[in-house]
Amino acid sequence: MYKGFFIVILLLFWVDISAQEFEFKKEIINYGKIKKGDDGKRVFEFTNIGDAPLIIKEIKTSCDCAVPEKPEKPIMPNEKATITVAYDTSKTGGFSKEIIIFSNAKKSPKKIKIKGYISN
């Protein structure tokens, strides 16, 4: 009984000290004021500041108007990578959308954001 408990405690401690973690250059990208039909593609840059490979399993958005592209390979410790988000700029008005990243990071899911205003 005690041996099993001890192993569980050791595993929890090991997971905590060898965790993967994002460090984004910017967690919010502000498009500012752009024209209808302009390029809606923006890039989030990040680094794996953990000590184990970071695997992005899935990325969801708060609408179908923003399409994310995730890295397909694991991001090694201290390695930089990008997530590209293409926003549909065919409609005018303000927008604020969340991009939700599901991964093996210590704090998952991770939320980043795009916002801006599209004019005629």
N, C-alpha and C. Protein backbone atom coordinates (compact mmCIF):
# COMPACT_ATOMS: atom_id res chain seq x y z
N MET A 1 0.83 -1.20 0.00
CA MET A 1 0.00 0.00 0.00
C MET A 1 0.86 1.25 0.00
N TYR A 2 1.84 1.32 0.90
CA TYR A 2 2.70 2.50 0.98
C TYR A 2 3.57 2.63 -0.26
N LYS A 3 4.00 1.50 -0.81
CA LYS A 3 4.86 1.53 -1.99
C LYS A 3 4.11 2.15 -3.18
N GLY A 4 2.84 1.79 -3.37
CA GLY A 4 2.03 2.35 -4.45
C GLY A 4 1.82 3.84 -4.26
N PHE A 5 1.55 4.25 -3.04
CA PHE A 5 1.36 5.67 -2.73
C PHE A 5 2.64 6.45 -3.01
N PHE A 6 3.77 5.90 -2.62
CA PHE A 6 5.06 6.54 -2.84
C PHE A 6 5.34 6.71 -4.34
N ILE A 7 5.02 5.70 -5.13
CA ILE A 7 5.23 5.77 -6.59
C ILE A 7 4.35 6.86 -7.20
N VAL A 8 3.11 6.96 -6.77
CA VAL A 8 2.21 8.00 -7.27
C VAL A 8 2.75 9.39 -6.94
N ILE A 9 3.22 9.58 -5.73
CA ILE A 9 3.79 10.87 -5.32
C ILE A 9 5.02 11.20 -6.17
N LEU A 10 5.88 10.21 -6.40
CA LEU A 10 7.06 10.43 -7.23
C LEU A 10 6.68 10.81 -8.66
N LEU A 11 5.70 10.14 -9.23
CA LEU A 11 5.25 10.45 -10.59
C LEU A 11 4.70 11.87 -10.67
N LEU A 12 3.91 12.27 -9.70
CA LEU A 12 3.36 13.63 -9.70
C LEU A 12 4.48 14.66 -9.59
N PHE A 13 5.47 14.40 -8.77
CA PHE A 13 6.61 15.30 -8.63
C PHE A 13 7.39 15.37 -9.93
N TRP A 14 7.62 14.23 -10.58
CA TRP A 14 8.37 14.19 -11.83
C TRP A 14 7.65 14.96 -12.92
N VAL A 15 6.33 14.79 -13.04
CA VAL A 15 5.54 15.50 -14.05
C VAL A 15 5.65 17.00 -13.82
N ASP A 16 5.63 17.43 -12.58
CA ASP A 16 5.69 18.86 -12.27
C ASP A 16 7.05 19.46 -12.63
N ILE A 17 8.14 18.73 -12.42
CA ILE A 17 9.45 19.32 -12.68
C ILE A 17 9.89 19.14 -14.13
N SER A 18 9.29 18.22 -14.85
CA SER A 18 9.69 18.04 -16.25
C SER A 18 8.51 18.37 -17.16
N ALA A 19 7.99 19.55 -16.99
CA ALA A 19 6.82 19.95 -17.76
C ALA A 19 7.21 20.81 -18.94
N GLN A 20 6.32 20.82 -19.91
CA GLN A 20 6.46 21.66 -21.08
C GLN A 20 5.68 22.94 -20.81
N GLU A 21 6.14 24.03 -21.42
CA GLU A 21 5.44 25.28 -21.17
C GLU A 21 5.67 26.23 -22.35
N PHE A 22 4.60 26.96 -22.72
CA PHE A 22 4.66 27.96 -23.78
C PHE A 22 5.20 29.28 -23.22
N GLU A 23 5.95 29.99 -24.04
CA GLU A 23 6.25 31.39 -23.77
C GLU A 23 6.05 32.11 -25.11
N PHE A 24 4.93 32.84 -25.20
CA PHE A 24 4.59 33.54 -26.43
C PHE A 24 5.24 34.91 -26.47
N LYS A 25 5.66 35.33 -27.66
CA LYS A 25 6.16 36.68 -27.85
C LYS A 25 5.02 37.66 -27.58
N LYS A 26 3.83 37.37 -28.14
CA LYS A 26 2.60 38.13 -27.89
C LYS A 26 1.47 37.13 -27.74
N GLU A 27 0.61 37.34 -26.75
CA GLU A 27 -0.56 36.47 -26.58
C GLU A 27 -1.80 37.08 -27.21
N ILE A 28 -1.72 38.35 -27.59
CA ILE A 28 -2.81 39.03 -28.29
C ILE A 28 -2.22 39.71 -29.51
N ILE A 29 -2.79 39.42 -30.67
CA ILE A 29 -2.39 40.13 -31.88
C ILE A 29 -3.53 41.07 -32.25
N ASN A 30 -3.22 42.37 -32.30
CA ASN A 30 -4.19 43.38 -32.65
C ASN A 30 -3.96 43.76 -34.12
N TYR A 31 -4.93 43.43 -34.97
CA TYR A 31 -4.84 43.76 -36.38
C TYR A 31 -4.95 45.27 -36.59
N GLY A 32 -5.51 45.95 -35.60
CA GLY A 32 -5.77 47.37 -35.77
C GLY A 32 -6.94 47.54 -36.74
N LYS A 33 -6.94 48.63 -37.49
CA LYS A 33 -7.99 48.88 -38.47
C LYS A 33 -7.47 48.45 -39.84
N ILE A 34 -8.14 47.47 -40.44
CA ILE A 34 -7.75 46.99 -41.76
C ILE A 34 -8.94 47.07 -42.70
N LYS A 35 -8.68 47.00 -44.01
CA LYS A 35 -9.74 47.09 -45.00
C LYS A 35 -10.34 45.73 -45.30
N LYS A 36 -11.60 45.73 -45.66
CA LYS A 36 -12.31 44.52 -46.07
C LYS A 36 -11.52 43.84 -47.20
N GLY A 37 -11.28 42.55 -47.05
CA GLY A 37 -10.55 41.79 -48.06
C GLY A 37 -9.04 41.79 -47.89
N ASP A 38 -8.51 42.54 -46.92
CA ASP A 38 -7.06 42.53 -46.66
C ASP A 38 -6.63 41.15 -46.17
N ASP A 39 -5.32 40.93 -46.20
CA ASP A 39 -4.75 39.66 -45.73
C ASP A 39 -5.02 39.51 -44.23
N GLY A 40 -5.71 38.44 -43.86
CA GLY A 40 -6.05 38.20 -42.46
C GLY A 40 -5.12 37.24 -41.75
N LYS A 41 -4.00 36.91 -42.38
CA LYS A 41 -3.07 35.94 -41.79
C LYS A 41 -2.11 36.63 -40.82
N ARG A 42 -2.01 36.07 -39.61
CA ARG A 42 -1.08 36.58 -38.60
C ARG A 42 -0.37 35.38 -37.96
N VAL A 43 0.81 35.63 -37.39
CA VAL A 43 1.63 34.55 -36.84
C VAL A 43 1.95 34.81 -35.38
N PHE A 44 1.65 33.83 -34.54
CA PHE A 44 2.04 33.84 -33.13
C PHE A 44 3.35 33.07 -33.01
N GLU A 45 4.35 33.69 -32.41
CA GLU A 45 5.64 33.03 -32.19
C GLU A 45 5.73 32.63 -30.72
N PHE A 46 6.27 31.43 -30.48
CA PHE A 46 6.43 30.97 -29.10
C PHE A 46 7.66 30.09 -28.97
N THR A 47 8.06 29.87 -27.72
CA THR A 47 9.19 29.02 -27.38
C THR A 47 8.74 28.01 -26.34
N ASN A 48 9.21 26.78 -26.46
CA ASN A 48 8.99 25.78 -25.42
C ASN A 48 10.04 26.04 -24.34
N ILE A 49 9.61 26.62 -23.22
CA ILE A 49 10.55 26.93 -22.14
C ILE A 49 10.63 25.80 -21.10
N GLY A 50 9.99 24.68 -21.42
CA GLY A 50 10.06 23.52 -20.53
C GLY A 50 11.30 22.69 -20.83
N ASP A 51 11.38 21.53 -20.20
CA ASP A 51 12.53 20.66 -20.41
C ASP A 51 12.16 19.32 -21.04
N ALA A 52 11.00 19.30 -21.73
CA ALA A 52 10.55 18.11 -22.43
C ALA A 52 9.83 18.56 -23.71
N PRO A 53 9.70 17.68 -24.70
CA PRO A 53 9.04 18.07 -25.94
C PRO A 53 7.59 18.53 -25.70
N LEU A 54 7.20 19.59 -26.40
CA LEU A 54 5.85 20.15 -26.33
C LEU A 54 5.09 19.66 -27.55
N ILE A 55 3.94 19.04 -27.32
CA ILE A 55 3.14 18.50 -28.43
C ILE A 55 1.80 19.21 -28.45
N ILE A 56 1.52 19.90 -29.55
CA ILE A 56 0.22 20.55 -29.71
C ILE A 56 -0.71 19.53 -30.34
N LYS A 57 -1.73 19.17 -29.60
CA LYS A 57 -2.66 18.13 -30.03
C LYS A 57 -3.74 18.68 -30.94
N GLU A 58 -4.26 19.86 -30.59
CA GLU A 58 -5.38 20.43 -31.33
C GLU A 58 -5.48 21.92 -31.03
N ILE A 59 -6.00 22.67 -32.00
CA ILE A 59 -6.27 24.08 -31.80
C ILE A 59 -7.69 24.36 -32.26
N LYS A 60 -8.46 24.99 -31.38
CA LYS A 60 -9.84 25.37 -31.71
C LYS A 60 -9.94 26.89 -31.66
N THR A 61 -10.94 27.41 -32.34
CA THR A 61 -11.19 28.85 -32.31
C THR A 61 -12.63 29.10 -31.89
N SER A 62 -12.90 30.34 -31.50
CA SER A 62 -14.25 30.68 -31.04
C SER A 62 -15.21 30.90 -32.20
N CYS A 63 -14.74 30.76 -33.46
CA CYS A 63 -15.63 30.84 -34.63
C CYS A 63 -14.94 30.17 -35.82
N ASP A 64 -15.72 29.92 -36.87
CA ASP A 64 -15.16 29.34 -38.10
C ASP A 64 -14.45 30.39 -38.95
N CYS A 65 -14.52 31.65 -38.54
CA CYS A 65 -13.92 32.75 -39.30
C CYS A 65 -12.41 32.86 -39.08
N ALA A 66 -11.88 32.12 -38.14
CA ALA A 66 -10.43 32.11 -37.87
C ALA A 66 -9.94 30.66 -38.00
N VAL A 67 -8.99 30.45 -38.89
CA VAL A 67 -8.48 29.11 -39.15
C VAL A 67 -7.01 29.02 -38.71
N PRO A 68 -6.73 28.22 -37.68
CA PRO A 68 -5.35 28.11 -37.19
C PRO A 68 -4.58 26.98 -37.88
N GLU A 69 -3.26 27.14 -37.96
CA GLU A 69 -2.35 26.09 -38.43
C GLU A 69 -1.37 25.82 -37.31
N LYS A 70 -1.27 24.56 -36.90
CA LYS A 70 -0.40 24.20 -35.78
C LYS A 70 0.86 23.49 -36.26
N PRO A 71 1.91 23.53 -35.48
CA PRO A 71 3.11 22.73 -35.81
C PRO A 71 2.75 21.25 -35.73
N GLU A 72 3.22 20.48 -36.68
CA GLU A 72 2.90 19.05 -36.71
C GLU A 72 3.89 18.22 -35.88
N LYS A 73 5.11 18.71 -35.75
CA LYS A 73 6.13 17.97 -35.01
C LYS A 73 6.22 18.49 -33.58
N PRO A 74 6.71 17.66 -32.66
CA PRO A 74 6.94 18.14 -31.29
C PRO A 74 7.95 19.30 -31.28
N ILE A 75 7.75 20.24 -30.38
CA ILE A 75 8.65 21.37 -30.22
C ILE A 75 9.57 21.02 -29.05
N MET A 76 10.84 20.93 -29.35
CA MET A 76 11.82 20.53 -28.35
C MET A 76 12.09 21.66 -27.35
N PRO A 77 12.64 21.35 -26.19
CA PRO A 77 12.96 22.38 -25.20
C PRO A 77 13.82 23.49 -25.82
N ASN A 78 13.48 24.72 -25.51
CA ASN A 78 14.14 25.93 -26.01
C ASN A 78 13.97 26.16 -27.51
N GLU A 79 13.17 25.33 -28.18
CA GLU A 79 12.93 25.51 -29.61
C GLU A 79 11.79 26.50 -29.82
N LYS A 80 11.92 27.31 -30.88
CA LYS A 80 10.88 28.26 -31.26
C LYS A 80 9.99 27.64 -32.32
N ALA A 81 8.71 28.04 -32.33
CA ALA A 81 7.76 27.57 -33.33
C ALA A 81 6.69 28.64 -33.53
N THR A 82 5.79 28.39 -34.48
CA THR A 82 4.74 29.37 -34.77
C THR A 82 3.39 28.70 -34.92
N ILE A 83 2.37 29.49 -34.65
CA ILE A 83 0.98 29.12 -34.93
C ILE A 83 0.46 30.24 -35.82
N THR A 84 0.00 29.88 -37.02
CA THR A 84 -0.55 30.85 -37.95
C THR A 84 -2.06 30.83 -37.85
N VAL A 85 -2.67 32.03 -37.83
CA VAL A 85 -4.12 32.15 -37.80
C VAL A 85 -4.54 33.00 -38.98
N ALA A 86 -5.46 32.47 -39.79
CA ALA A 86 -5.99 33.21 -40.93
C ALA A 86 -7.42 33.62 -40.59
N TYR A 87 -7.64 34.94 -40.49
CA TYR A 87 -8.98 35.46 -40.18
C TYR A 87 -9.65 35.90 -41.47
N ASP A 88 -10.94 35.55 -41.61
CA ASP A 88 -11.74 35.92 -42.78
C ASP A 88 -12.09 37.40 -42.71
N THR A 89 -11.52 38.18 -43.61
CA THR A 89 -11.73 39.63 -43.60
C THR A 89 -12.81 40.08 -44.58
N SER A 90 -13.74 39.19 -44.91
CA SER A 90 -14.78 39.54 -45.88
C SER A 90 -15.96 40.30 -45.27
N LYS A 91 -16.03 40.35 -43.95
CA LYS A 91 -17.13 41.06 -43.27
C LYS A 91 -16.56 42.24 -42.50
N THR A 92 -17.31 43.34 -42.50
CA THR A 92 -16.85 44.53 -41.79
C THR A 92 -17.27 44.50 -40.33
N GLY A 93 -16.58 45.32 -39.54
CA GLY A 93 -16.91 45.44 -38.12
C GLY A 93 -15.76 44.98 -37.24
N GLY A 94 -15.96 45.14 -35.96
CA GLY A 94 -14.95 44.75 -34.98
C GLY A 94 -15.00 43.25 -34.71
N PHE A 95 -13.87 42.71 -34.29
CA PHE A 95 -13.82 41.30 -33.92
C PHE A 95 -12.82 41.08 -32.79
N SER A 96 -13.08 40.06 -32.02
CA SER A 96 -12.20 39.61 -30.94
C SER A 96 -12.44 38.11 -30.80
N LYS A 97 -11.45 37.32 -31.16
CA LYS A 97 -11.60 35.87 -31.19
C LYS A 97 -10.51 35.18 -30.38
N GLU A 98 -10.90 34.09 -29.73
CA GLU A 98 -9.96 33.28 -28.95
C GLU A 98 -9.47 32.11 -29.78
N ILE A 99 -8.20 31.80 -29.60
CA ILE A 99 -7.60 30.60 -30.16
C ILE A 99 -7.21 29.75 -28.96
N ILE A 100 -7.74 28.53 -28.91
CA ILE A 100 -7.54 27.67 -27.74
C ILE A 100 -6.65 26.50 -28.14
N ILE A 101 -5.50 26.40 -27.45
CA ILE A 101 -4.48 25.41 -27.79
C ILE A 101 -4.50 24.28 -26.76
N PHE A 102 -4.72 23.06 -27.26
CA PHE A 102 -4.70 21.87 -26.41
C PHE A 102 -3.38 21.15 -26.65
N SER A 103 -2.64 20.92 -25.56
CA SER A 103 -1.31 20.34 -25.70
C SER A 103 -0.97 19.53 -24.44
N ASN A 104 0.27 19.08 -24.40
CA ASN A 104 0.76 18.39 -23.20
C ASN A 104 1.47 19.37 -22.26
N ALA A 105 1.22 20.67 -22.44
CA ALA A 105 1.85 21.69 -21.60
C ALA A 105 1.32 21.61 -20.17
N LYS A 106 2.11 22.15 -19.28
CA LYS A 106 1.75 22.18 -17.86
C LYS A 106 0.38 22.84 -17.65
N LYS A 107 0.16 23.95 -18.37
CA LYS A 107 -1.11 24.66 -18.28
C LYS A 107 -1.83 24.55 -19.62
N SER A 108 -2.70 23.56 -19.73
CA SER A 108 -3.46 23.34 -20.95
C SER A 108 -4.93 23.27 -20.61
N PRO A 109 -5.79 23.89 -21.37
CA PRO A 109 -5.52 24.59 -22.62
C PRO A 109 -4.96 25.99 -22.39
N LYS A 110 -4.27 26.47 -23.42
CA LYS A 110 -3.69 27.82 -23.44
C LYS A 110 -4.53 28.66 -24.39
N LYS A 111 -4.88 29.88 -23.98
CA LYS A 111 -5.70 30.75 -24.81
C LYS A 111 -4.89 31.95 -25.27
N ILE A 112 -4.96 32.22 -26.57
CA ILE A 112 -4.38 33.42 -27.16
C ILE A 112 -5.51 34.11 -27.92
N LYS A 113 -5.27 35.33 -28.41
CA LYS A 113 -6.39 36.10 -28.96
C LYS A 113 -5.97 36.94 -30.15
N ILE A 114 -6.93 37.13 -31.08
CA ILE A 114 -6.78 38.10 -32.16
C ILE A 114 -7.93 39.09 -32.05
N LYS A 115 -7.67 40.34 -32.47
CA LYS A 115 -8.73 41.34 -32.46
C LYS A 115 -8.41 42.41 -33.48
N GLY A 116 -9.43 43.18 -33.82
CA GLY A 116 -9.22 44.25 -34.78
C GLY A 116 -10.54 44.80 -35.28
N TYR A 117 -10.44 45.62 -36.33
CA TYR A 117 -11.63 46.24 -36.92
C TYR A 117 -11.46 46.23 -38.44
N ILE A 118 -12.49 45.75 -39.14
CA ILE A 118 -12.47 45.68 -40.60
C ILE A 118 -13.43 46.74 -41.14
N SER A 119 -12.91 47.62 -42.00
CA SER A 119 -13.73 48.68 -42.59
C SER A 119 -13.82 48.51 -44.11
N ASN A 120 -14.78 49.22 -44.70
CA ASN A 120 -14.94 49.17 -46.16
C ASN A 120 -13.82 49.82 -46.86
